[in-house]
Amino acid sequence: MLFIWNAFISLSSARVGFDSIKFSEIEAWLNLNGIENIEQRQEITHLIRIIDEKYIEYIIEERKRNA
């Protein structure tokens, strides 16, 4: 999971505002890291999207609490 977390951290810099990380950014990251196996690509993409969704939910809730 550390590998996935590091990927998420790296990809978070590509985020625009509170939008989700774009699939094209994830694909570019997979390509840059030489991940070619389709099952691995799908699993990594899925996990990053889940973490990203939870991250955005957390940020929105924190902003509501602090408003």
N, C-alpha and C. Protein backbone atom coordinates (compact mmCIF):
# COMPACT_ATOMS: atom_id res chain seq x y z
N MET A 1 0.81 -1.20 0.00
CA MET A 1 0.00 0.00 0.00
C MET A 1 0.86 1.27 0.00
N LEU A 2 2.07 1.19 0.49
CA LEU A 2 2.95 2.35 0.48
C LEU A 2 3.18 2.84 -0.95
N PHE A 3 3.31 1.91 -1.87
CA PHE A 3 3.48 2.24 -3.29
C PHE A 3 2.28 3.05 -3.79
N ILE A 4 1.07 2.61 -3.44
CA ILE A 4 -0.16 3.29 -3.86
C ILE A 4 -0.24 4.67 -3.20
N TRP A 5 0.08 4.74 -1.91
CA TRP A 5 0.05 6.02 -1.21
C TRP A 5 1.03 7.01 -1.84
N ASN A 6 2.23 6.55 -2.16
CA ASN A 6 3.22 7.42 -2.81
C ASN A 6 2.73 7.89 -4.17
N ALA A 7 2.05 7.01 -4.89
CA ALA A 7 1.47 7.40 -6.18
C ALA A 7 0.41 8.48 -5.97
N PHE A 8 -0.44 8.29 -4.97
CA PHE A 8 -1.48 9.28 -4.68
C PHE A 8 -0.86 10.63 -4.32
N ILE A 9 0.14 10.62 -3.47
CA ILE A 9 0.80 11.86 -3.07
C ILE A 9 1.40 12.56 -4.30
N SER A 10 2.05 11.79 -5.12
CA SER A 10 2.65 12.35 -6.33
C SER A 10 1.59 12.94 -7.26
N LEU A 11 0.49 12.23 -7.42
CA LEU A 11 -0.57 12.67 -8.32
C LEU A 11 -1.39 13.82 -7.76
N SER A 12 -1.40 13.97 -6.46
CA SER A 12 -2.19 15.05 -5.85
C SER A 12 -1.74 16.42 -6.31
N SER A 13 -0.49 16.55 -6.67
CA SER A 13 0.01 17.84 -7.14
C SER A 13 -0.60 18.22 -8.49
N ALA A 14 -1.19 17.25 -9.18
CA ALA A 14 -1.82 17.52 -10.48
C ALA A 14 -3.29 17.93 -10.30
N ARG A 15 -3.76 17.88 -9.06
CA ARG A 15 -5.16 18.19 -8.78
C ARG A 15 -5.43 19.67 -9.05
N VAL A 16 -6.61 19.96 -9.58
CA VAL A 16 -7.07 21.33 -9.79
C VAL A 16 -8.17 21.60 -8.77
N GLY A 17 -7.88 22.44 -7.79
CA GLY A 17 -8.87 22.72 -6.75
C GLY A 17 -9.23 21.46 -5.98
N PHE A 18 -10.53 21.20 -5.88
CA PHE A 18 -11.00 20.01 -5.20
C PHE A 18 -11.51 18.96 -6.18
N ASP A 19 -11.13 19.10 -7.44
CA ASP A 19 -11.51 18.10 -8.43
C ASP A 19 -10.74 16.80 -8.20
N SER A 20 -11.31 15.73 -8.67
CA SER A 20 -10.63 14.43 -8.60
C SER A 20 -9.40 14.45 -9.49
N ILE A 21 -8.46 13.58 -9.14
CA ILE A 21 -7.28 13.40 -10.00
C ILE A 21 -7.79 12.81 -11.32
N LYS A 22 -7.37 13.39 -12.40
CA LYS A 22 -7.84 12.95 -13.72
C LYS A 22 -7.24 11.60 -14.11
N PHE A 23 -8.04 10.82 -14.83
CA PHE A 23 -7.55 9.52 -15.31
C PHE A 23 -6.31 9.70 -16.17
N SER A 24 -6.27 10.76 -16.95
CA SER A 24 -5.10 10.98 -17.81
C SER A 24 -3.84 11.18 -16.99
N GLU A 25 -3.96 11.80 -15.81
CA GLU A 25 -2.80 11.97 -14.93
C GLU A 25 -2.35 10.63 -14.36
N ILE A 26 -3.32 9.81 -13.98
CA ILE A 26 -2.98 8.48 -13.45
C ILE A 26 -2.32 7.66 -14.54
N GLU A 27 -2.88 7.72 -15.75
CA GLU A 27 -2.30 6.96 -16.87
C GLU A 27 -0.87 7.41 -17.14
N ALA A 28 -0.64 8.71 -17.13
CA ALA A 28 0.71 9.23 -17.35
C ALA A 28 1.65 8.73 -16.27
N TRP A 29 1.20 8.73 -15.01
CA TRP A 29 2.03 8.25 -13.90
C TRP A 29 2.36 6.77 -14.09
N LEU A 30 1.36 5.97 -14.48
CA LEU A 30 1.59 4.54 -14.72
C LEU A 30 2.63 4.35 -15.83
N ASN A 31 2.50 5.12 -16.89
CA ASN A 31 3.45 5.02 -18.00
C ASN A 31 4.86 5.42 -17.57
N LEU A 32 4.97 6.52 -16.83
CA LEU A 32 6.29 6.98 -16.37
C LEU A 32 6.96 5.97 -15.45
N ASN A 33 6.15 5.20 -14.74
CA ASN A 33 6.68 4.21 -13.81
C ASN A 33 6.78 2.81 -14.42
N GLY A 34 6.55 2.72 -15.72
CA GLY A 34 6.76 1.47 -16.45
C GLY A 34 5.80 0.35 -16.09
N ILE A 35 4.61 0.71 -15.64
CA ILE A 35 3.62 -0.31 -15.27
C ILE A 35 2.80 -0.61 -16.51
N GLU A 36 3.01 -1.80 -17.06
CA GLU A 36 2.38 -2.17 -18.33
C GLU A 36 1.27 -3.21 -18.17
N ASN A 37 1.33 -4.02 -17.13
CA ASN A 37 0.35 -5.07 -16.93
C ASN A 37 -1.04 -4.46 -16.72
N ILE A 38 -1.99 -4.85 -17.55
CA ILE A 38 -3.32 -4.24 -17.54
C ILE A 38 -4.03 -4.45 -16.20
N GLU A 39 -3.89 -5.62 -15.59
CA GLU A 39 -4.54 -5.87 -14.30
C GLU A 39 -3.94 -4.98 -13.21
N GLN A 40 -2.63 -4.81 -13.23
CA GLN A 40 -1.98 -3.92 -12.26
C GLN A 40 -2.41 -2.48 -12.47
N ARG A 41 -2.48 -2.07 -13.72
CA ARG A 41 -2.90 -0.70 -14.04
C ARG A 41 -4.32 -0.44 -13.54
N GLN A 42 -5.20 -1.41 -13.76
CA GLN A 42 -6.58 -1.25 -13.32
C GLN A 42 -6.67 -1.20 -11.80
N GLU A 43 -5.95 -2.06 -11.12
CA GLU A 43 -5.99 -2.11 -9.66
C GLU A 43 -5.40 -0.83 -9.05
N ILE A 44 -4.28 -0.38 -9.57
CA ILE A 44 -3.66 0.84 -9.07
C ILE A 44 -4.59 2.03 -9.30
N THR A 45 -5.15 2.12 -10.49
CA THR A 45 -6.09 3.21 -10.79
C THR A 45 -7.27 3.18 -9.84
N HIS A 46 -7.83 2.01 -9.63
CA HIS A 46 -8.98 1.85 -8.72
C HIS A 46 -8.63 2.32 -7.32
N LEU A 47 -7.49 1.89 -6.80
CA LEU A 47 -7.10 2.24 -5.44
C LEU A 47 -6.82 3.75 -5.30
N ILE A 48 -6.17 4.31 -6.29
CA ILE A 48 -5.91 5.75 -6.25
C ILE A 48 -7.22 6.52 -6.27
N ARG A 49 -8.16 6.09 -7.08
CA ARG A 49 -9.46 6.77 -7.15
C ARG A 49 -10.21 6.69 -5.82
N ILE A 50 -10.13 5.54 -5.15
CA ILE A 50 -10.78 5.40 -3.85
C ILE A 50 -10.15 6.35 -2.83
N ILE A 51 -8.83 6.36 -2.76
CA ILE A 51 -8.13 7.25 -1.83
C ILE A 51 -8.47 8.70 -2.16
N ASP A 52 -8.47 9.05 -3.41
CA ASP A 52 -8.77 10.41 -3.84
C ASP A 52 -10.18 10.82 -3.43
N GLU A 53 -11.13 9.94 -3.62
CA GLU A 53 -12.52 10.22 -3.24
C GLU A 53 -12.63 10.48 -1.73
N LYS A 54 -11.98 9.64 -0.94
CA LYS A 54 -12.01 9.80 0.52
C LYS A 54 -11.29 11.08 0.94
N TYR A 55 -10.21 11.41 0.28
CA TYR A 55 -9.48 12.63 0.58
C TYR A 55 -10.36 13.86 0.35
N ILE A 56 -11.03 13.90 -0.79
CA ILE A 56 -11.90 15.03 -1.10
C ILE A 56 -13.04 15.12 -0.09
N GLU A 57 -13.64 13.99 0.27
CA GLU A 57 -14.69 13.97 1.28
C GLU A 57 -14.17 14.54 2.60
N TYR A 58 -12.98 14.14 3.00
CA TYR A 58 -12.38 14.61 4.24
C TYR A 58 -12.17 16.13 4.21
N ILE A 59 -11.62 16.64 3.13
CA ILE A 59 -11.36 18.08 3.01
C ILE A 59 -12.66 18.86 3.07
N ILE A 60 -13.68 18.40 2.38
CA ILE A 60 -14.98 19.08 2.40
C ILE A 60 -15.55 19.11 3.81
N GLU A 61 -15.48 17.99 4.51
CA GLU A 61 -15.99 17.93 5.89
C GLU A 61 -15.19 18.84 6.82
N GLU A 62 -13.88 18.88 6.66
CA GLU A 62 -13.06 19.76 7.47
C GLU A 62 -13.40 21.23 7.24
N ARG A 63 -13.64 21.59 6.02
CA ARG A 63 -14.00 22.97 5.70
C ARG A 63 -15.34 23.33 6.31
N LYS A 64 -16.29 22.39 6.29
CA LYS A 64 -17.60 22.63 6.90
C LYS A 64 -17.45 22.84 8.40
N ARG A 65 -16.63 22.01 9.04
CA ARG A 65 -16.43 22.11 10.49
C ARG A 65 -15.77 23.42 10.88
N ASN A 66 -14.88 23.90 10.05
CA ASN A 66 -14.12 25.10 10.36
C ASN A 66 -14.78 26.39 9.87
N ALA A 67 -15.93 26.24 9.21
CA ALA A 67 -16.63 27.43 8.66
C ALA A 67 -17.43 28.14 9.73
